[in-house]
Amino acid sequence: MAKAWILFLISLFCWMTADASLCSTKGLPLVRNINNLPQSNFGREGLSHITVTGAVLHGMKEIEVWLQTFAPGTRTPIHRHSCEEVFIVLKGSGTLYLASSPGLKHPGTPHEYAISQNSTFHIPINDAHQIWNTGINEDLQMLVVISRPPIKVFIYDDWSMPHTAAKLKFPYYWDKECYHVSKDEL
């Protein structure tokens, strides 16, 4: 009976620790197994997102790292953010649409870039972009690094939508559970 009670307490402690660490801002352990990190699609069919290290989840100040997997035919929305983004394609292929629009009131006509395994791309600050998995039978998996977290995303319906009409999404889906805004006390 004592053995069962001890196992129960250890299981309870592990469950509570695992649950509490989801929104930990006390930093990261030196070594972690990425297979044990929580992942979700956040209501977006065909997406798998893992925050490997983040601002809201782990207290990072300068960068955030994600592992994202897109099923064939899926894509990100047309969006921009006020941070730099670098992504490294780990497997699969797809298309990056990137529109640089200094001086324009909308994203403009995007340039199309083929992306494939072992390629890397840099998205400049505030350039609208979209990523599609154009592969037929293979997932598109990328390691994504952003600067200046947590991310504030402006989402567009199309490439001609005015910047002023873009919808702000903050906190973003994977930060929402752990991001707490203090009330303005008047």
N, C-alpha and C. Protein backbone atom coordinates (compact mmCIF):
# COMPACT_ATOMS: atom_id res chain seq x y z
N MET A 1 0.82 -1.19 0.00
CA MET A 1 0.00 0.00 0.00
C MET A 1 0.86 1.25 0.00
N ALA A 2 1.93 1.26 0.80
CA ALA A 2 2.82 2.42 0.87
C ALA A 2 3.48 2.67 -0.49
N LYS A 3 3.85 1.58 -1.19
CA LYS A 3 4.47 1.71 -2.51
C LYS A 3 3.50 2.38 -3.49
N ALA A 4 2.24 1.97 -3.48
CA ALA A 4 1.23 2.55 -4.35
C ALA A 4 1.02 4.03 -4.03
N TRP A 5 1.03 4.38 -2.75
CA TRP A 5 0.86 5.77 -2.32
C TRP A 5 2.03 6.63 -2.81
N ILE A 6 3.24 6.11 -2.70
CA ILE A 6 4.43 6.84 -3.17
C ILE A 6 4.37 7.03 -4.68
N LEU A 7 4.00 5.99 -5.41
CA LEU A 7 3.86 6.11 -6.87
C LEU A 7 2.79 7.14 -7.23
N PHE A 8 1.69 7.15 -6.48
CA PHE A 8 0.63 8.12 -6.71
C PHE A 8 1.16 9.54 -6.51
N LEU A 9 1.90 9.77 -5.43
CA LEU A 9 2.44 11.11 -5.15
C LEU A 9 3.45 11.54 -6.21
N ILE A 10 4.30 10.62 -6.63
CA ILE A 10 5.26 10.95 -7.69
C ILE A 10 4.52 11.29 -8.98
N SER A 11 3.52 10.51 -9.34
CA SER A 11 2.73 10.79 -10.54
C SER A 11 2.03 12.14 -10.44
N LEU A 12 1.47 12.44 -9.28
CA LEU A 12 0.80 13.72 -9.07
C LEU A 12 1.79 14.87 -9.20
N PHE A 13 2.96 14.73 -8.60
CA PHE A 13 3.98 15.77 -8.69
C PHE A 13 4.40 15.98 -10.14
N CYS A 14 4.64 14.89 -10.87
CA CYS A 14 5.05 15.00 -12.28
C CYS A 14 3.96 15.66 -13.11
N TRP A 15 2.71 15.31 -12.85
CA TRP A 15 1.60 15.91 -13.58
C TRP A 15 1.51 17.40 -13.29
N MET A 16 1.63 17.78 -12.01
CA MET A 16 1.56 19.20 -11.64
C MET A 16 2.74 19.97 -12.19
N THR A 17 3.92 19.39 -12.16
CA THR A 17 5.11 20.05 -12.67
C THR A 17 5.02 20.23 -14.18
N ALA A 18 4.57 19.20 -14.88
CA ALA A 18 4.45 19.28 -16.33
C ALA A 18 3.44 20.35 -16.70
N ASP A 19 2.33 20.40 -15.99
CA ASP A 19 1.30 21.38 -16.28
C ASP A 19 1.79 22.79 -15.97
N ALA A 20 2.45 22.97 -14.86
CA ALA A 20 2.93 24.29 -14.47
C ALA A 20 4.03 24.79 -15.39
N SER A 21 4.84 23.88 -15.95
CA SER A 21 5.97 24.30 -16.78
C SER A 21 5.53 24.81 -18.14
N LEU A 22 4.29 24.57 -18.53
CA LEU A 22 3.82 25.07 -19.82
C LEU A 22 3.96 26.58 -19.90
N CYS A 23 3.68 27.28 -18.84
CA CYS A 23 3.75 28.74 -18.85
C CYS A 23 4.88 29.25 -17.96
N SER A 24 5.93 28.50 -17.83
CA SER A 24 7.04 28.88 -16.97
C SER A 24 7.83 30.03 -17.57
N THR A 25 8.12 31.02 -16.76
CA THR A 25 8.99 32.11 -17.20
C THR A 25 10.29 32.08 -16.39
N LYS A 26 10.59 30.95 -15.81
CA LYS A 26 11.79 30.81 -14.99
C LYS A 26 12.97 30.32 -15.81
N GLY A 27 12.86 30.35 -17.12
CA GLY A 27 13.95 29.89 -17.96
C GLY A 27 13.76 28.46 -18.40
N LEU A 28 14.78 27.96 -19.06
CA LEU A 28 14.72 26.62 -19.63
C LEU A 28 15.79 25.73 -19.05
N PRO A 29 15.50 24.43 -18.97
CA PRO A 29 16.57 23.52 -18.58
C PRO A 29 17.62 23.48 -19.69
N LEU A 30 18.81 23.11 -19.35
CA LEU A 30 19.91 23.08 -20.31
C LEU A 30 19.63 22.11 -21.46
N VAL A 31 19.06 20.96 -21.15
CA VAL A 31 18.78 19.95 -22.16
C VAL A 31 17.32 19.54 -22.07
N ARG A 32 16.62 19.51 -23.22
CA ARG A 32 15.22 19.06 -23.27
C ARG A 32 15.04 18.17 -24.48
N ASN A 33 14.12 17.24 -24.38
CA ASN A 33 13.77 16.39 -25.50
C ASN A 33 12.59 17.04 -26.22
N ILE A 34 12.78 17.42 -27.46
CA ILE A 34 11.74 18.13 -28.21
C ILE A 34 10.48 17.28 -28.38
N ASN A 35 10.62 15.96 -28.34
CA ASN A 35 9.45 15.08 -28.45
C ASN A 35 8.51 15.21 -27.27
N ASN A 36 9.01 15.73 -26.14
CA ASN A 36 8.18 15.87 -24.95
C ASN A 36 7.50 17.23 -24.85
N LEU A 37 7.77 18.13 -25.79
CA LEU A 37 7.18 19.46 -25.73
C LEU A 37 5.75 19.43 -26.24
N PRO A 38 4.87 20.25 -25.66
CA PRO A 38 3.47 20.26 -26.11
C PRO A 38 3.35 20.81 -27.52
N GLN A 39 2.45 20.21 -28.29
CA GLN A 39 2.18 20.71 -29.64
C GLN A 39 0.68 20.78 -29.85
N SER A 40 0.29 21.66 -30.77
CA SER A 40 -1.13 21.85 -31.05
C SER A 40 -1.29 22.41 -32.45
N ASN A 41 -2.50 22.36 -32.95
CA ASN A 41 -2.79 23.01 -34.22
C ASN A 41 -3.55 24.32 -34.00
N PHE A 42 -3.93 24.61 -32.76
CA PHE A 42 -4.60 25.84 -32.37
C PHE A 42 -5.81 26.13 -33.25
N GLY A 43 -6.54 25.07 -33.59
CA GLY A 43 -7.75 25.21 -34.39
C GLY A 43 -7.49 25.40 -35.87
N ARG A 44 -6.25 25.27 -36.29
CA ARG A 44 -5.91 25.45 -37.71
C ARG A 44 -5.57 24.08 -38.29
N GLU A 45 -6.50 23.55 -39.05
CA GLU A 45 -6.35 22.23 -39.66
C GLU A 45 -5.06 22.16 -40.48
N GLY A 46 -4.32 21.08 -40.31
CA GLY A 46 -3.11 20.86 -41.09
C GLY A 46 -1.85 21.46 -40.50
N LEU A 47 -1.94 22.12 -39.35
CA LEU A 47 -0.78 22.74 -38.71
C LEU A 47 -0.42 21.98 -37.44
N SER A 48 0.87 21.84 -37.21
CA SER A 48 1.37 21.37 -35.93
C SER A 48 2.41 22.40 -35.49
N HIS A 49 2.23 22.97 -34.31
CA HIS A 49 3.15 24.01 -33.80
C HIS A 49 3.70 23.59 -32.45
N ILE A 50 5.02 23.73 -32.30
CA ILE A 50 5.70 23.54 -31.03
C ILE A 50 6.53 24.78 -30.77
N THR A 51 6.34 25.42 -29.62
CA THR A 51 7.23 26.50 -29.23
C THR A 51 8.41 25.85 -28.53
N VAL A 52 9.55 25.83 -29.20
CA VAL A 52 10.75 25.21 -28.65
C VAL A 52 11.27 26.08 -27.51
N THR A 53 11.31 27.38 -27.75
CA THR A 53 11.66 28.33 -26.71
C THR A 53 10.97 29.64 -27.03
N GLY A 54 10.34 30.26 -26.04
CA GLY A 54 9.55 31.44 -26.32
C GLY A 54 9.61 32.51 -25.26
N ALA A 55 9.10 33.67 -25.61
CA ALA A 55 9.08 34.81 -24.68
C ALA A 55 8.04 34.60 -23.60
N VAL A 56 6.82 34.36 -24.01
CA VAL A 56 5.73 34.23 -23.05
C VAL A 56 5.85 32.92 -22.28
N LEU A 57 6.20 31.84 -22.96
CA LEU A 57 6.28 30.53 -22.31
C LEU A 57 7.51 30.38 -21.43
N HIS A 58 8.64 30.95 -21.84
CA HIS A 58 9.90 30.67 -21.15
C HIS A 58 10.69 31.90 -20.74
N GLY A 59 10.17 33.08 -21.00
CA GLY A 59 10.85 34.30 -20.58
C GLY A 59 11.98 34.76 -21.47
N MET A 60 12.05 34.27 -22.71
CA MET A 60 13.09 34.71 -23.64
C MET A 60 12.87 36.19 -23.97
N LYS A 61 13.94 36.92 -24.18
CA LYS A 61 13.83 38.36 -24.41
C LYS A 61 14.12 38.77 -25.85
N GLU A 62 14.99 38.08 -26.55
CA GLU A 62 15.44 38.51 -27.86
C GLU A 62 14.96 37.65 -29.03
N ILE A 63 14.80 36.34 -28.79
CA ILE A 63 14.39 35.45 -29.88
C ILE A 63 13.35 34.45 -29.38
N GLU A 64 12.69 33.85 -30.36
CA GLU A 64 11.75 32.77 -30.09
C GLU A 64 11.98 31.72 -31.17
N VAL A 65 11.86 30.45 -30.84
CA VAL A 65 12.10 29.37 -31.79
C VAL A 65 10.88 28.45 -31.80
N TRP A 66 10.41 28.14 -33.01
CA TRP A 66 9.26 27.25 -33.18
C TRP A 66 9.63 26.11 -34.12
N LEU A 67 8.92 25.01 -33.98
CA LEU A 67 8.96 23.93 -34.94
C LEU A 67 7.54 23.83 -35.49
N GLN A 68 7.40 24.06 -36.79
CA GLN A 68 6.07 24.04 -37.40
C GLN A 68 6.04 23.04 -38.55
N THR A 69 4.93 22.31 -38.62
CA THR A 69 4.72 21.33 -39.68
C THR A 69 3.38 21.63 -40.34
N PHE A 70 3.42 21.73 -41.67
CA PHE A 70 2.21 21.99 -42.45
C PHE A 70 1.91 20.77 -43.31
N ALA A 71 0.68 20.29 -43.25
CA ALA A 71 0.24 19.17 -44.09
C ALA A 71 0.17 19.65 -45.54
N PRO A 72 0.21 18.72 -46.51
CA PRO A 72 0.10 19.11 -47.91
C PRO A 72 -1.14 19.98 -48.16
N GLY A 73 -0.94 21.06 -48.92
CA GLY A 73 -2.04 21.95 -49.28
C GLY A 73 -2.36 23.04 -48.27
N THR A 74 -1.75 23.02 -47.09
CA THR A 74 -2.06 24.03 -46.07
C THR A 74 -1.12 25.22 -46.21
N ARG A 75 -1.51 26.33 -45.56
CA ARG A 75 -0.75 27.57 -45.69
C ARG A 75 -0.96 28.45 -44.48
N THR A 76 -0.08 29.43 -44.34
CA THR A 76 -0.28 30.46 -43.34
C THR A 76 -1.21 31.50 -43.94
N PRO A 77 -1.81 32.35 -43.12
CA PRO A 77 -2.53 33.48 -43.71
C PRO A 77 -1.52 34.49 -44.26
N ILE A 78 -1.96 35.38 -45.11
CA ILE A 78 -1.11 36.50 -45.53
C ILE A 78 -0.96 37.37 -44.29
N HIS A 79 0.28 37.64 -43.91
CA HIS A 79 0.50 38.36 -42.66
C HIS A 79 1.84 39.10 -42.66
N ARG A 80 1.99 39.97 -41.68
CA ARG A 80 3.27 40.63 -41.43
C ARG A 80 3.40 40.80 -39.93
N HIS A 81 4.63 41.08 -39.49
CA HIS A 81 4.88 41.34 -38.07
C HIS A 81 6.09 42.24 -37.94
N SER A 82 6.17 42.93 -36.82
CA SER A 82 7.24 43.91 -36.64
C SER A 82 8.47 43.25 -35.99
N CYS A 83 8.89 42.16 -36.60
CA CYS A 83 10.10 41.47 -36.17
C CYS A 83 10.67 40.75 -37.38
N GLU A 84 11.93 40.40 -37.28
CA GLU A 84 12.54 39.60 -38.33
C GLU A 84 12.18 38.14 -38.10
N GLU A 85 12.19 37.40 -39.19
CA GLU A 85 11.88 35.98 -39.12
C GLU A 85 12.83 35.23 -40.03
N VAL A 86 13.38 34.16 -39.53
CA VAL A 86 14.21 33.27 -40.33
C VAL A 86 13.61 31.89 -40.22
N PHE A 87 13.47 31.22 -41.35
CA PHE A 87 13.02 29.84 -41.26
C PHE A 87 13.92 28.93 -42.07
N ILE A 88 14.09 27.74 -41.53
CA ILE A 88 14.94 26.71 -42.12
C ILE A 88 14.03 25.54 -42.46
N VAL A 89 13.99 25.15 -43.70
CA VAL A 89 13.14 24.04 -44.13
C VAL A 89 13.85 22.73 -43.80
N LEU A 90 13.24 21.95 -42.92
CA LEU A 90 13.82 20.67 -42.50
C LEU A 90 13.41 19.54 -43.43
N LYS A 91 12.16 19.61 -43.94
CA LYS A 91 11.71 18.60 -44.90
C LYS A 91 10.53 19.16 -45.69
N GLY A 92 10.34 18.59 -46.86
CA GLY A 92 9.22 18.99 -47.71
C GLY A 92 9.58 20.12 -48.66
N SER A 93 8.54 20.63 -49.32
CA SER A 93 8.72 21.73 -50.26
C SER A 93 7.48 22.61 -50.21
N GLY A 94 7.64 23.80 -50.74
CA GLY A 94 6.52 24.73 -50.72
C GLY A 94 6.85 25.99 -51.48
N THR A 95 6.02 27.00 -51.23
CA THR A 95 6.18 28.29 -51.88
C THR A 95 6.08 29.39 -50.84
N LEU A 96 7.03 30.32 -50.91
CA LEU A 96 6.99 31.52 -50.08
C LEU A 96 6.55 32.66 -50.97
N TYR A 97 5.52 33.38 -50.55
CA TYR A 97 5.10 34.61 -51.21
C TYR A 97 5.53 35.75 -50.31
N LEU A 98 6.28 36.71 -50.86
CA LEU A 98 6.85 37.79 -50.07
C LEU A 98 6.65 39.11 -50.80
N ALA A 99 6.04 40.06 -50.09
CA ALA A 99 5.79 41.38 -50.68
C ALA A 99 6.43 42.45 -49.80
N SER A 100 7.36 43.18 -50.37
CA SER A 100 7.97 44.30 -49.68
C SER A 100 7.27 45.55 -50.21
N SER A 101 6.69 46.34 -49.30
CA SER A 101 5.85 47.44 -49.77
C SER A 101 6.19 48.79 -49.12
N PRO A 102 7.45 49.18 -49.09
CA PRO A 102 7.73 50.50 -48.51
C PRO A 102 7.04 51.59 -49.34
N GLY A 103 6.32 52.44 -48.65
CA GLY A 103 5.62 53.53 -49.33
C GLY A 103 4.25 53.17 -49.86
N LEU A 104 3.93 51.88 -49.98
CA LEU A 104 2.61 51.48 -50.47
C LEU A 104 1.64 51.40 -49.30
N LYS A 105 0.36 51.53 -49.60
CA LYS A 105 -0.66 51.46 -48.56
C LYS A 105 -1.22 50.05 -48.38
N HIS A 106 -0.65 49.09 -49.11
CA HIS A 106 -1.07 47.69 -49.03
C HIS A 106 0.15 46.82 -49.31
N PRO A 107 0.06 45.51 -49.07
CA PRO A 107 1.25 44.67 -49.25
C PRO A 107 1.82 44.68 -50.67
N GLY A 108 0.97 44.80 -51.67
CA GLY A 108 1.48 44.79 -53.05
C GLY A 108 1.53 43.41 -53.63
N THR A 109 2.10 43.31 -54.82
CA THR A 109 2.21 42.03 -55.52
C THR A 109 3.37 41.23 -54.93
N PRO A 110 3.10 40.03 -54.48
CA PRO A 110 4.19 39.26 -53.86
C PRO A 110 5.12 38.62 -54.90
N HIS A 111 6.37 38.44 -54.52
CA HIS A 111 7.31 37.65 -55.29
C HIS A 111 7.16 36.21 -54.82
N GLU A 112 7.33 35.30 -55.73
CA GLU A 112 7.16 33.88 -55.43
C GLU A 112 8.52 33.19 -55.38
N TYR A 113 8.77 32.45 -54.29
CA TYR A 113 10.03 31.74 -54.11
C TYR A 113 9.75 30.28 -53.80
N ALA A 114 10.43 29.39 -54.51
CA ALA A 114 10.32 27.96 -54.22
C ALA A 114 11.16 27.67 -52.97
N ILE A 115 10.59 26.91 -52.05
CA ILE A 115 11.34 26.50 -50.86
C ILE A 115 11.41 24.99 -50.84
N SER A 116 12.53 24.48 -50.38
CA SER A 116 12.72 23.03 -50.31
C SER A 116 13.64 22.69 -49.16
N GLN A 117 13.75 21.41 -48.89
CA GLN A 117 14.55 20.93 -47.77
C GLN A 117 15.95 21.56 -47.80
N ASN A 118 16.41 21.95 -46.62
CA ASN A 118 17.73 22.55 -46.39
C ASN A 118 17.84 23.99 -46.90
N SER A 119 16.75 24.59 -47.33
CA SER A 119 16.81 26.01 -47.70
C SER A 119 16.47 26.85 -46.48
N THR A 120 16.93 28.09 -46.50
CA THR A 120 16.67 29.01 -45.41
C THR A 120 16.24 30.34 -46.00
N PHE A 121 15.35 31.04 -45.30
CA PHE A 121 14.84 32.31 -45.78
C PHE A 121 14.80 33.32 -44.65
N HIS A 122 14.99 34.57 -45.00
CA HIS A 122 14.92 35.68 -44.05
C HIS A 122 13.75 36.57 -44.46
N ILE A 123 12.84 36.82 -43.54
CA ILE A 123 11.71 37.71 -43.79
C ILE A 123 12.01 39.02 -43.06
N PRO A 124 12.19 40.11 -43.79
CA PRO A 124 12.47 41.40 -43.13
C PRO A 124 11.27 41.90 -42.31
N ILE A 125 11.55 42.83 -41.41
CA ILE A 125 10.52 43.43 -40.57
C ILE A 125 9.43 44.05 -41.45
N ASN A 126 8.18 43.75 -41.11
CA ASN A 126 6.97 44.30 -41.72
C ASN A 126 6.74 43.93 -43.18
N ASP A 127 7.46 42.99 -43.74
CA ASP A 127 7.16 42.52 -45.10
C ASP A 127 6.06 41.46 -45.01
N ALA A 128 4.99 41.68 -45.77
CA ALA A 128 3.89 40.72 -45.78
C ALA A 128 4.35 39.44 -46.49
N HIS A 129 3.91 38.31 -45.97
CA HIS A 129 4.32 37.04 -46.55
C HIS A 129 3.31 35.95 -46.26
N GLN A 130 3.46 34.86 -46.98
CA GLN A 130 2.60 33.69 -46.82
C GLN A 130 3.40 32.47 -47.25
N ILE A 131 3.23 31.38 -46.54
CA ILE A 131 3.92 30.14 -46.86
C ILE A 131 2.89 29.06 -47.15
N TRP A 132 3.07 28.38 -48.28
CA TRP A 132 2.19 27.29 -48.69
C TRP A 132 2.98 25.99 -48.75
N ASN A 133 2.39 24.91 -48.28
CA ASN A 133 2.95 23.59 -48.55
C ASN A 133 2.35 23.15 -49.87
N THR A 134 3.14 23.23 -50.93
CA THR A 134 2.66 22.86 -52.26
C THR A 134 2.99 21.41 -52.60
N GLY A 135 3.59 20.71 -51.64
CA GLY A 135 3.88 19.29 -51.84
C GLY A 135 2.60 18.48 -51.90
N ILE A 136 2.65 17.38 -52.57
CA ILE A 136 1.46 16.55 -52.74
C ILE A 136 1.32 15.52 -51.62
N ASN A 137 2.41 14.87 -51.27
CA ASN A 137 2.34 13.78 -50.30
C ASN A 137 3.23 13.97 -49.08
N GLU A 138 3.87 15.11 -48.93
CA GLU A 138 4.84 15.26 -47.85
C GLU A 138 4.55 16.53 -47.04
N ASP A 139 4.71 16.41 -45.74
CA ASP A 139 4.60 17.57 -44.87
C ASP A 139 5.74 18.54 -45.15
N LEU A 140 5.48 19.82 -44.89
CA LEU A 140 6.50 20.86 -44.92
C LEU A 140 6.82 21.17 -43.47
N GLN A 141 8.07 20.92 -43.07
CA GLN A 141 8.45 21.15 -41.68
C GLN A 141 9.57 22.18 -41.64
N MET A 142 9.39 23.18 -40.75
CA MET A 142 10.34 24.27 -40.67
C MET A 142 10.70 24.58 -39.22
N LEU A 143 11.93 24.99 -39.03
CA LEU A 143 12.37 25.57 -37.78
C LEU A 143 12.31 27.08 -38.00
N VAL A 144 11.57 27.78 -37.15
CA VAL A 144 11.33 29.22 -37.33
C VAL A 144 11.94 29.98 -36.15
N VAL A 145 12.66 31.05 -36.45
CA VAL A 145 13.24 31.90 -35.43
C VAL A 145 12.74 33.32 -35.67
N ILE A 146 12.18 33.94 -34.62
CA ILE A 146 11.73 35.33 -34.73
C ILE A 146 12.48 36.18 -33.70
N SER A 147 12.61 37.45 -34.05
CA SER A 147 13.23 38.40 -33.11
C SER A 147 12.13 39.17 -32.39
N ARG A 148 12.49 39.83 -31.33
CA ARG A 148 11.60 40.73 -30.59
C ARG A 148 10.26 40.11 -30.18
N PRO A 149 10.27 38.96 -29.53
CA PRO A 149 9.00 38.35 -29.11
C PRO A 149 8.39 39.10 -27.93
N PRO A 150 7.13 38.89 -27.60
CA PRO A 150 6.17 38.01 -28.28
C PRO A 150 5.66 38.65 -29.58
N ILE A 151 5.27 37.81 -30.50
CA ILE A 151 4.91 38.25 -31.84
C ILE A 151 3.53 38.90 -31.87
N LYS A 152 3.45 40.01 -32.61
CA LYS A 152 2.18 40.67 -32.91
C LYS A 152 1.99 40.53 -34.41
N VAL A 153 0.91 39.87 -34.82
CA VAL A 153 0.69 39.53 -36.22
C VAL A 153 -0.45 40.36 -36.79
N PHE A 154 -0.23 40.92 -37.98
CA PHE A 154 -1.27 41.63 -38.72
C PHE A 154 -1.67 40.74 -39.89
N ILE A 155 -2.95 40.37 -39.95
CA ILE A 155 -3.45 39.41 -40.94
C ILE A 155 -4.26 40.13 -42.01
N TYR A 156 -4.01 39.74 -43.27
CA TYR A 156 -4.66 40.33 -44.44
C TYR A 156 -5.59 39.32 -45.10
N ASP A 157 -6.69 39.82 -45.67
CA ASP A 157 -7.59 38.96 -46.44
C ASP A 157 -7.01 38.65 -47.82
N ASP A 158 -6.31 39.65 -48.40
CA ASP A 158 -5.67 39.48 -49.70
C ASP A 158 -4.52 40.49 -49.81
N TRP A 159 -3.77 40.42 -50.92
CA TRP A 159 -2.57 41.23 -51.09
C TRP A 159 -2.87 42.71 -51.35
N SER A 160 -4.12 43.04 -51.68
CA SER A 160 -4.47 44.44 -51.93
C SER A 160 -5.17 45.10 -50.73
N MET A 161 -5.35 44.36 -49.66
CA MET A 161 -5.99 44.91 -48.46
C MET A 161 -5.09 46.00 -47.85
N PRO A 162 -5.64 47.18 -47.53
CA PRO A 162 -4.82 48.25 -46.95
C PRO A 162 -4.20 47.82 -45.61
N HIS A 163 -2.98 48.31 -45.37
CA HIS A 163 -2.31 48.01 -44.10
C HIS A 163 -3.18 48.42 -42.91
N THR A 164 -3.88 49.53 -43.05
CA THR A 164 -4.71 50.03 -41.95
C THR A 164 -5.91 49.13 -41.66
N ALA A 165 -6.28 48.26 -42.60
CA ALA A 165 -7.41 47.35 -42.39
C ALA A 165 -6.97 45.96 -41.91
N ALA A 166 -5.67 45.70 -41.88
CA ALA A 166 -5.19 44.39 -41.42
C ALA A 166 -5.62 44.17 -39.98
N LYS A 167 -5.94 42.91 -39.66
CA LYS A 167 -6.43 42.57 -38.32
C LYS A 167 -5.27 42.19 -37.43
N LEU A 168 -5.12 42.88 -36.29
CA LEU A 168 -4.08 42.56 -35.32
C LEU A 168 -4.49 41.32 -34.54
N LYS A 169 -3.60 40.34 -34.46
CA LYS A 169 -3.81 39.15 -33.64
C LYS A 169 -2.72 39.14 -32.58
N PHE A 170 -3.10 39.53 -31.37
CA PHE A 170 -2.18 39.54 -30.23
C PHE A 170 -2.97 39.36 -28.96
N PRO A 171 -2.58 38.48 -28.10
CA PRO A 171 -1.48 37.54 -28.28
C PRO A 171 -1.82 36.52 -29.36
N TYR A 172 -0.76 35.99 -29.97
CA TYR A 172 -0.97 35.02 -31.03
C TYR A 172 -1.39 33.68 -30.43
N TYR A 173 -1.91 32.80 -31.23
CA TYR A 173 -2.55 31.56 -30.78
C TYR A 173 -1.73 30.82 -29.73
N TRP A 174 -0.43 30.62 -29.98
CA TRP A 174 0.37 29.80 -29.06
C TRP A 174 0.82 30.57 -27.84
N ASP A 175 0.63 31.88 -27.80
CA ASP A 175 0.95 32.67 -26.61
C ASP A 175 -0.27 32.94 -25.74
N LYS A 176 -1.45 32.74 -26.30
CA LYS A 176 -2.69 33.16 -25.64
C LYS A 176 -2.89 32.55 -24.25
N GLU A 177 -2.59 31.26 -24.11
CA GLU A 177 -2.83 30.59 -22.83
C GLU A 177 -1.97 31.15 -21.70
N CYS A 178 -0.78 31.62 -22.03
CA CYS A 178 0.15 32.06 -20.99
C CYS A 178 0.30 33.57 -20.91
N TYR A 179 -0.24 34.31 -21.86
CA TYR A 179 -0.07 35.76 -21.85
C TYR A 179 -1.17 36.39 -21.00
N HIS A 180 -0.77 37.14 -19.99
CA HIS A 180 -1.73 37.79 -19.10
C HIS A 180 -1.47 39.28 -19.10
N VAL A 181 -2.46 40.02 -19.54
CA VAL A 181 -2.35 41.47 -19.56
C VAL A 181 -2.94 42.00 -18.27
N SER A 182 -2.17 42.83 -17.58
CA SER A 182 -2.70 43.40 -16.34
C SER A 182 -3.71 44.48 -16.69
N LYS A 183 -4.73 44.60 -15.86
CA LYS A 183 -5.78 45.59 -16.10
C LYS A 183 -5.25 46.99 -15.81
N ASP A 184 -5.73 47.92 -16.57
CA ASP A 184 -5.35 49.31 -16.37
C ASP A 184 -6.15 49.85 -15.17
N GLU A 185 -5.47 50.16 -14.14
CA GLU A 185 -6.13 50.64 -12.92
C GLU A 185 -6.35 52.14 -13.01
N LEU A 186 -7.58 52.56 -12.94
CA LEU A 186 -7.89 54.00 -12.97
C LEU A 186 -8.43 54.46 -11.65
